C-alpha cells in the first residue's frame, strides 16, 4: 500500500473535514506547526510520537507495523 501523496495526517484531516487550526487546537500547537508536521511526515522526518499525537487529535489510533514482503 502506498502512502497518500501529501501524507496520512493531511489525508485523514481532510477526510474528516478538519482544518489544520482545529487539529492544532486539539494538539495544543499552532496551525503552522500542524502544517510542519504534515511536511515532516512526507519527507519522513516525523517522529512516531508526533504521529500518535496527531492521530489522537483527530480521534484516531495510530498503528505502526512491519509487513513481510512477498
Protein backbone atom coordinates (compact mmCIF):
# COMPACT_ATOMS: atom_id res chain seq x y z
CA UNK A 1 0.00 0.00 0.00
CA UNK A 2 1.35 3.40 -0.94
CA UNK A 3 1.17 6.41 1.32
CA UNK A 4 -1.01 9.34 0.25
CA UNK A 5 0.97 11.92 -1.73
CA UNK A 6 0.56 14.58 0.99
CA UNK A 7 0.80 12.09 3.89
CA UNK A 8 -1.65 10.41 6.22
CA UNK A 9 -2.10 13.35 8.59
CA UNK A 10 -3.20 15.60 5.73
CA UNK A 11 -5.34 12.91 4.09
CA UNK A 12 -7.19 11.96 7.28
CA UNK A 13 -7.59 15.58 8.37
CA UNK A 14 -9.15 16.46 5.01
CA UNK A 15 -11.36 13.34 5.00
CA UNK A 16 -12.68 14.34 8.42
CA UNK A 17 -13.28 17.92 7.27
CA UNK A 18 -10.89 19.32 9.85
CA UNK A 19 -8.71 22.38 9.39
CA UNK A 20 -5.07 22.50 10.44
CA UNK A 21 -6.15 25.02 13.06
CA UNK A 22 -8.69 22.59 14.55
CA UNK A 23 -6.10 19.82 14.76
CA UNK A 24 -3.62 22.28 16.24
CA UNK A 25 -6.04 23.37 18.95
CA UNK A 26 -6.58 19.74 19.92
CA UNK A 27 -2.81 19.12 19.95
CA UNK A 28 -2.02 22.35 21.80
CA UNK A 29 0.09 23.67 18.91
CA UNK A 30 -0.29 26.36 16.24
CA UNK A 31 -1.74 25.81 12.78
CA UNK A 32 1.71 26.39 11.26
CA UNK A 33 3.08 23.57 13.42
CA UNK A 34 0.44 21.19 12.08
CA UNK A 35 1.49 22.12 8.55
CA UNK A 36 5.11 21.46 9.55
CA UNK A 37 4.13 18.01 10.90
CA UNK A 38 2.44 17.23 7.59
CA UNK A 39 5.59 18.21 5.69
CA UNK A 40 7.79 16.24 8.10
CA UNK A 41 5.66 13.18 7.50
CA UNK A 42 6.08 13.48 3.73
CA UNK A 43 9.87 13.87 4.00
CA UNK A 44 9.97 11.01 6.56
CA UNK A 45 11.43 13.06 9.41
CA UNK A 46 8.35 12.93 11.66
CA UNK A 47 8.51 11.02 14.94
CA UNK A 48 6.22 8.18 15.95
CA UNK A 49 5.24 10.26 18.97
CA UNK A 50 4.07 13.10 16.72
CA UNK A 51 2.10 10.69 14.55
CA UNK A 52 0.38 9.33 17.67
CA UNK A 53 -0.47 12.83 18.89
CA UNK A 54 -1.84 13.87 15.51
CA UNK A 55 -3.93 10.71 15.29
CA UNK A 56 -5.35 11.27 18.78
CA UNK A 57 -6.22 14.87 17.89
CA UNK A 58 -8.32 13.51 15.02
CA UNK A 59 -9.94 10.84 17.23
CA UNK A 60 -7.91 8.12 15.51
CA UNK A 61 -5.48 5.46 16.64
CA UNK A 62 -2.00 5.38 15.09
CA UNK A 63 -0.83 1.89 14.11
CA UNK A 64 2.82 1.20 13.25
CA UNK A 65 3.64 -2.16 11.73
CA UNK A 66 6.05 -4.20 9.66
CA UNK A 67 4.68 -6.28 6.80
CA UNK A 68 6.81 -9.01 5.28
CA UNK A 69 7.46 -8.66 1.58
CA UNK A 70 6.28 -11.50 -0.64
